[in-house]
Each structure stands twice: as structure tokens, then as C-alpha cells.
């Protein structure tokens, strides 16, 4: 995807507006049980609503969402401590990997 700087800036600006109104959200491609895990984790830990997005997108949407998510990540880290967002994403990845391993093991028996 090609990043469109104006759209990235627009995403950051929209996020600022949403933060000031207490409307915290994150755009993410979530699926399966790990997607549900992520949505629950972010809602419980950060009070962020995860908005599911499709992998079928365009440069404009991708740039906007990238700017938005970048700004919400900065906001979360400012509230909960540096690295909070990355730590939560690492938990989601660990959960996803565990579920994939369990699935593969169930198929081999």
C-alpha cells in the first residue's frame, strides 16, 4: 500500500477529536477466536472499541486508519505507560499462536 500523507494526518486529527470526546477506538483486521480475544482485551484494559476492518482496502483507507491507530497507540501509552499498546498486541499474538498450534495438533492426531 502507498501511504497518503494527507489521509494519515486526517486519521490522526480524527483520532484527536475522538479522544477529546471519550470515543476510543482502534481499526484492526480481527478474525476468529483471537479477534474476539483482542476486542475483549482492548475493551477491558483500555476501554477501546476495536472496529473490524477488511483486508480488502485502498491506499486512502489504509493511510487514514494507520494515522488513526498510530495516534490512539500514543494515547494509550501516555495513559497506561510506555509500551502498553505493544504489550497488549504481544498478548494477542501469543494467544493467536497458541490457538493455531492447538488446531494443528488436533489435526495430527
N, C-alpha and C. Protein backbone atom coordinates (compact mmCIF):
# COMPACT_ATOMS: atom_id res chain seq x y z
N UNK A 1 0.82 -1.18 0.00
CA UNK A 1 0.00 0.00 0.00
C UNK A 1 0.87 1.25 0.00
N UNK A 2 0.40 2.22 -0.69
CA UNK A 2 1.05 3.52 -0.73
C UNK A 2 0.45 4.41 0.35
N UNK A 3 1.29 5.03 1.14
CA UNK A 3 0.81 5.91 2.20
C UNK A 3 0.53 7.29 1.62
N UNK A 4 -0.65 7.79 1.93
CA UNK A 4 -1.06 9.13 1.51
C UNK A 4 -0.95 10.03 2.74
N UNK A 5 0.08 10.89 2.78
CA UNK A 5 0.32 11.71 3.98
C UNK A 5 -0.90 12.52 4.44
N UNK A 6 -1.65 13.08 3.53
CA UNK A 6 -2.82 13.89 3.92
C UNK A 6 -3.87 13.02 4.62
N UNK A 7 -4.04 11.80 4.17
CA UNK A 7 -5.01 10.89 4.80
C UNK A 7 -4.51 10.41 6.16
N UNK A 8 -3.22 10.17 6.25
CA UNK A 8 -2.63 9.78 7.53
C UNK A 8 -2.83 10.90 8.55
N UNK A 9 -2.59 12.13 8.13
CA UNK A 9 -2.81 13.29 9.01
C UNK A 9 -4.28 13.43 9.38
N UNK A 10 -5.16 13.18 8.41
CA UNK A 10 -6.60 13.25 8.68
C UNK A 10 -7.01 12.20 9.72
N UNK A 11 -6.42 11.02 9.64
CA UNK A 11 -6.69 9.97 10.62
C UNK A 11 -6.26 10.39 12.01
N UNK A 12 -5.07 10.98 12.10
CA UNK A 12 -4.58 11.46 13.40
C UNK A 12 -5.49 12.56 13.96
N UNK A 13 -5.92 13.48 13.10
CA UNK A 13 -6.80 14.57 13.53
C UNK A 13 -8.14 14.02 14.01
N UNK A 14 -8.70 13.06 13.28
CA UNK A 14 -9.97 12.46 13.69
C UNK A 14 -9.82 11.75 15.03
N UNK A 15 -8.70 11.09 15.20
CA UNK A 15 -8.46 10.41 16.47
C UNK A 15 -8.39 11.41 17.62
N UNK A 16 -7.71 12.52 17.41
CA UNK A 16 -7.65 13.57 18.44
C UNK A 16 -9.06 14.01 18.84
N UNK A 17 -9.91 14.22 17.86
CA UNK A 17 -11.28 14.61 18.12
C UNK A 17 -12.02 13.53 18.91
N UNK A 18 -11.84 12.29 18.50
CA UNK A 18 -12.50 11.17 19.20
C UNK A 18 -11.99 11.04 20.63
N UNK A 19 -10.69 11.21 20.84
CA UNK A 19 -10.13 11.15 22.19
C UNK A 19 -10.76 12.23 23.06
N UNK A 20 -10.86 13.44 22.54
CA UNK A 20 -11.42 14.54 23.33
C UNK A 20 -12.88 14.31 23.68
N UNK A 21 -13.57 13.49 22.88
CA UNK A 21 -14.97 13.17 23.14
C UNK A 21 -15.13 11.85 23.90
N UNK A 22 -14.00 11.23 24.26
CA UNK A 22 -14.07 9.97 25.01
C UNK A 22 -14.47 8.77 24.18
N UNK A 23 -14.30 8.88 22.89
CA UNK A 23 -14.69 7.81 21.96
C UNK A 23 -13.40 7.14 21.47
N UNK A 24 -12.92 6.16 22.24
CA UNK A 24 -11.66 5.50 21.91
C UNK A 24 -11.93 4.27 21.04
N UNK A 25 -11.24 4.23 19.92
CA UNK A 25 -11.41 3.09 19.03
C UNK A 25 -10.11 2.80 18.29
N UNK A 26 -10.05 1.60 17.74
CA UNK A 26 -8.88 1.13 17.02
C UNK A 26 -9.38 0.36 15.81
N UNK A 27 -8.81 0.62 14.66
CA UNK A 27 -9.17 -0.12 13.45
C UNK A 27 -8.22 -1.30 13.30
N UNK A 28 -8.79 -2.51 13.21
CA UNK A 28 -7.93 -3.69 13.12
C UNK A 28 -8.65 -4.81 12.39
N UNK A 29 -7.89 -5.58 11.67
CA UNK A 29 -8.44 -6.75 10.99
C UNK A 29 -8.45 -7.89 11.99
N UNK A 30 -9.63 -8.16 12.55
CA UNK A 30 -9.75 -9.21 13.56
C UNK A 30 -10.61 -10.34 13.02
N UNK A 31 -10.23 -11.54 13.35
CA UNK A 31 -10.99 -12.71 12.93
C UNK A 31 -10.91 -13.79 13.99
N UNK A 32 -11.78 -14.74 13.86
CA UNK A 32 -11.72 -15.96 14.64
C UNK A 32 -11.69 -15.67 16.14
N UNK A 33 -11.25 -16.66 16.91
CA UNK A 33 -11.25 -16.50 18.36
C UNK A 33 -10.21 -15.48 18.82
N UNK A 34 -9.09 -15.36 18.09
CA UNK A 34 -8.09 -14.37 18.52
C UNK A 34 -8.62 -12.96 18.33
N UNK A 35 -9.46 -12.74 17.33
CA UNK A 35 -10.06 -11.43 17.13
C UNK A 35 -11.00 -11.07 18.25
N UNK A 36 -11.77 -12.06 18.70
CA UNK A 36 -12.66 -11.84 19.84
C UNK A 36 -11.85 -11.58 21.10
N UNK A 37 -10.75 -12.32 21.25
CA UNK A 37 -9.86 -12.11 22.39
C UNK A 37 -9.32 -10.68 22.38
N UNK A 38 -8.86 -10.23 21.21
CA UNK A 38 -8.31 -8.88 21.10
C UNK A 38 -9.36 -7.83 21.43
N UNK A 39 -10.54 -7.97 20.86
CA UNK A 39 -11.61 -7.00 21.10
C UNK A 39 -11.93 -6.92 22.59
N UNK A 40 -12.03 -8.06 23.25
CA UNK A 40 -12.32 -8.09 24.69
C UNK A 40 -11.19 -7.50 25.51
N UNK A 41 -9.96 -7.88 25.18
CA UNK A 41 -8.80 -7.38 25.91
C UNK A 41 -8.70 -5.86 25.84
N UNK A 42 -8.86 -5.30 24.65
CA UNK A 42 -8.73 -3.86 24.48
C UNK A 42 -9.89 -3.11 25.13
N UNK A 43 -11.07 -3.71 25.10
CA UNK A 43 -12.22 -3.09 25.76
C UNK A 43 -12.02 -3.08 27.28
N UNK A 44 -11.61 -4.21 27.83
CA UNK A 44 -11.45 -4.31 29.29
C UNK A 44 -10.26 -3.51 29.80
N UNK A 45 -9.14 -3.59 29.12
CA UNK A 45 -7.91 -2.96 29.61
C UNK A 45 -7.86 -1.47 29.32
N UNK A 46 -8.27 -1.08 28.13
CA UNK A 46 -8.08 0.31 27.70
C UNK A 46 -9.39 1.06 27.41
N UNK A 47 -10.53 0.36 27.48
CA UNK A 47 -11.83 0.93 27.12
C UNK A 47 -11.82 1.41 25.67
N UNK A 48 -11.19 0.61 24.81
CA UNK A 48 -11.12 0.89 23.38
C UNK A 48 -12.01 -0.09 22.64
N UNK A 49 -12.83 0.43 21.77
CA UNK A 49 -13.66 -0.41 20.91
C UNK A 49 -12.87 -0.73 19.65
N UNK A 50 -12.66 -2.02 19.37
CA UNK A 50 -11.94 -2.42 18.18
C UNK A 50 -12.93 -2.52 17.02
N UNK A 51 -12.67 -1.73 15.98
CA UNK A 51 -13.51 -1.71 14.79
C UNK A 51 -12.94 -2.71 13.78
N UNK A 52 -13.69 -3.77 13.47
CA UNK A 52 -13.18 -4.74 12.48
C UNK A 52 -13.11 -4.12 11.09
N UNK A 53 -11.99 -4.36 10.42
CA UNK A 53 -11.83 -3.87 9.05
C UNK A 53 -11.49 -5.04 8.14
N UNK A 54 -11.75 -4.86 6.89
CA UNK A 54 -11.48 -5.88 5.88
C UNK A 54 -10.05 -5.76 5.38
N UNK A 55 -9.54 -6.87 4.88
CA UNK A 55 -8.22 -6.82 4.25
C UNK A 55 -8.32 -6.28 2.82
N UNK A 56 -9.53 -6.13 2.35
CA UNK A 56 -9.76 -5.52 1.04
C UNK A 56 -9.94 -4.03 1.29
N UNK A 57 -8.94 -3.26 0.94
CA UNK A 57 -8.94 -1.84 1.25
C UNK A 57 -8.23 -1.08 0.13
N UNK A 58 -8.05 0.19 0.34
CA UNK A 58 -7.32 1.00 -0.64
C UNK A 58 -6.33 1.90 0.10
N UNK A 59 -5.50 2.60 -0.66
CA UNK A 59 -4.46 3.44 -0.07
C UNK A 59 -5.04 4.50 0.86
N UNK A 60 -6.16 5.08 0.46
CA UNK A 60 -6.77 6.15 1.24
C UNK A 60 -7.23 5.63 2.61
N UNK A 61 -7.97 4.53 2.61
CA UNK A 61 -8.45 3.95 3.87
C UNK A 61 -7.29 3.49 4.74
N UNK A 62 -6.35 2.82 4.13
CA UNK A 62 -5.20 2.30 4.87
C UNK A 62 -4.40 3.44 5.51
N UNK A 63 -4.21 4.52 4.81
CA UNK A 63 -3.47 5.67 5.33
C UNK A 63 -4.22 6.33 6.48
N UNK A 64 -5.54 6.52 6.32
CA UNK A 64 -6.35 7.11 7.38
C UNK A 64 -6.28 6.25 8.64
N UNK A 65 -6.52 4.96 8.49
CA UNK A 65 -6.52 4.05 9.64
C UNK A 65 -5.14 3.97 10.28
N UNK A 66 -4.10 4.00 9.46
CA UNK A 66 -2.75 3.98 10.00
C UNK A 66 -2.47 5.19 10.88
N UNK A 67 -2.87 6.38 10.41
CA UNK A 67 -2.70 7.59 11.21
C UNK A 67 -3.53 7.56 12.47
N UNK A 68 -4.75 7.07 12.34
CA UNK A 68 -5.66 6.98 13.49
C UNK A 68 -5.07 6.04 14.55
N UNK A 69 -4.69 4.84 14.10
CA UNK A 69 -4.16 3.84 15.03
C UNK A 69 -2.84 4.29 15.66
N UNK A 70 -2.02 4.97 14.90
CA UNK A 70 -0.77 5.49 15.43
C UNK A 70 -1.05 6.45 16.59
N UNK A 71 -2.01 7.33 16.40
CA UNK A 71 -2.34 8.31 17.44
C UNK A 71 -2.99 7.66 18.66
N UNK A 72 -3.88 6.68 18.44
CA UNK A 72 -4.52 6.03 19.59
C UNK A 72 -3.49 5.24 20.38
N UNK A 73 -2.51 4.68 19.69
CA UNK A 73 -1.43 3.96 20.37
C UNK A 73 -0.63 4.90 21.26
N UNK A 74 -0.33 6.08 20.75
CA UNK A 74 0.39 7.08 21.55
C UNK A 74 -0.44 7.48 22.78
N UNK A 75 -1.73 7.62 22.58
CA UNK A 75 -2.63 7.99 23.68
C UNK A 75 -2.64 6.90 24.75
N UNK A 76 -2.77 5.66 24.33
CA UNK A 76 -2.79 4.55 25.29
C UNK A 76 -1.48 4.49 26.07
N UNK A 77 -0.37 4.61 25.36
CA UNK A 77 0.92 4.59 26.04
C UNK A 77 1.07 5.76 27.02
N UNK A 78 0.48 6.90 26.70
CA UNK A 78 0.56 8.04 27.61
C UNK A 78 -0.28 7.82 28.87
N UNK A 79 -1.35 7.07 28.76
CA UNK A 79 -2.23 6.80 29.91
C UNK A 79 -1.76 5.62 30.75
N UNK A 80 -1.30 4.56 30.09
CA UNK A 80 -1.02 3.30 30.78
C UNK A 80 0.47 2.96 30.86
N UNK A 81 1.30 3.81 30.32
CA UNK A 81 2.74 3.58 30.38
C UNK A 81 3.30 3.19 29.02
N UNK A 82 4.51 3.60 28.80
CA UNK A 82 5.19 3.32 27.54
C UNK A 82 5.23 1.82 27.27
N UNK A 83 4.86 1.46 26.05
CA UNK A 83 4.87 0.05 25.66
C UNK A 83 3.60 -0.71 25.96
N UNK A 84 2.61 -0.05 26.54
CA UNK A 84 1.35 -0.72 26.89
C UNK A 84 0.65 -1.30 25.68
N UNK A 85 0.62 -0.53 24.62
CA UNK A 85 -0.05 -0.99 23.40
C UNK A 85 0.69 -2.19 22.81
N UNK A 86 2.01 -2.09 22.71
CA UNK A 86 2.79 -3.20 22.17
C UNK A 86 2.65 -4.45 23.02
N UNK A 87 2.60 -4.29 24.34
CA UNK A 87 2.45 -5.43 25.23
C UNK A 87 1.10 -6.12 25.01
N UNK A 88 0.06 -5.34 24.84
CA UNK A 88 -1.27 -5.91 24.59
C UNK A 88 -1.30 -6.64 23.24
N UNK A 89 -0.68 -6.05 22.23
CA UNK A 89 -0.61 -6.70 20.92
C UNK A 89 0.20 -7.99 20.99
N UNK A 90 1.24 -8.01 21.83
CA UNK A 90 2.03 -9.23 22.01
C UNK A 90 1.19 -10.32 22.68
N UNK A 91 0.33 -9.94 23.62
CA UNK A 91 -0.57 -10.92 24.24
C UNK A 91 -1.52 -11.51 23.21
N UNK A 92 -2.03 -10.66 22.34
CA UNK A 92 -2.93 -11.14 21.29
C UNK A 92 -2.20 -12.10 20.36
N UNK A 93 -0.97 -11.75 20.00
CA UNK A 93 -0.20 -12.63 19.12
C UNK A 93 0.10 -13.96 19.79
N UNK A 94 0.44 -13.95 21.07
CA UNK A 94 0.70 -15.19 21.80
C UNK A 94 -0.56 -16.06 21.84
N UNK A 95 -1.71 -15.44 22.07
CA UNK A 95 -2.98 -16.17 22.07
C UNK A 95 -3.25 -16.78 20.69
N UNK A 96 -3.03 -15.99 19.66
CA UNK A 96 -3.25 -16.45 18.29
C UNK A 96 -2.34 -17.64 17.97
N UNK A 97 -1.08 -17.52 18.32
CA UNK A 97 -0.13 -18.61 18.06
C UNK A 97 -0.52 -19.89 18.82
N UNK A 98 -0.95 -19.74 20.06
CA UNK A 98 -1.39 -20.88 20.86
C UNK A 98 -2.58 -21.57 20.20
N UNK A 99 -3.55 -20.80 19.77
CA UNK A 99 -4.74 -21.38 19.13
C UNK A 99 -4.37 -22.09 17.83
N UNK A 100 -3.47 -21.51 17.06
CA UNK A 100 -3.03 -22.15 15.81
C UNK A 100 -2.32 -23.48 16.12
N UNK A 101 -1.44 -23.47 17.13
CA UNK A 101 -0.75 -24.72 17.50
C UNK A 101 -1.73 -25.78 17.95
N UNK A 102 -2.68 -25.38 18.78
CA UNK A 102 -3.69 -26.34 19.25
C UNK A 102 -4.47 -26.92 18.08
N UNK A 103 -4.81 -26.08 17.14
CA UNK A 103 -5.54 -26.56 15.95
C UNK A 103 -4.70 -27.55 15.17
N UNK A 104 -3.46 -27.20 14.92
CA UNK A 104 -2.59 -28.09 14.14
C UNK A 104 -2.35 -29.42 14.85
N UNK A 105 -2.19 -29.37 16.17
CA UNK A 105 -2.01 -30.60 16.94
C UNK A 105 -3.26 -31.46 16.89
N UNK A 106 -4.41 -30.85 16.91
CA UNK A 106 -5.66 -31.62 16.86
C UNK A 106 -5.85 -32.30 15.50
N UNK A 107 -5.27 -31.73 14.47
CA UNK A 107 -5.36 -32.28 13.13
C UNK A 107 -4.37 -33.43 12.92
N UNK A 108 -3.32 -33.48 13.72
CA UNK A 108 -2.29 -34.51 13.51
C UNK A 108 -2.54 -35.77 14.31
N UNK A 109 -3.57 -35.77 15.14
CA UNK A 109 -3.86 -36.98 15.93
C UNK A 109 -4.97 -37.79 15.33
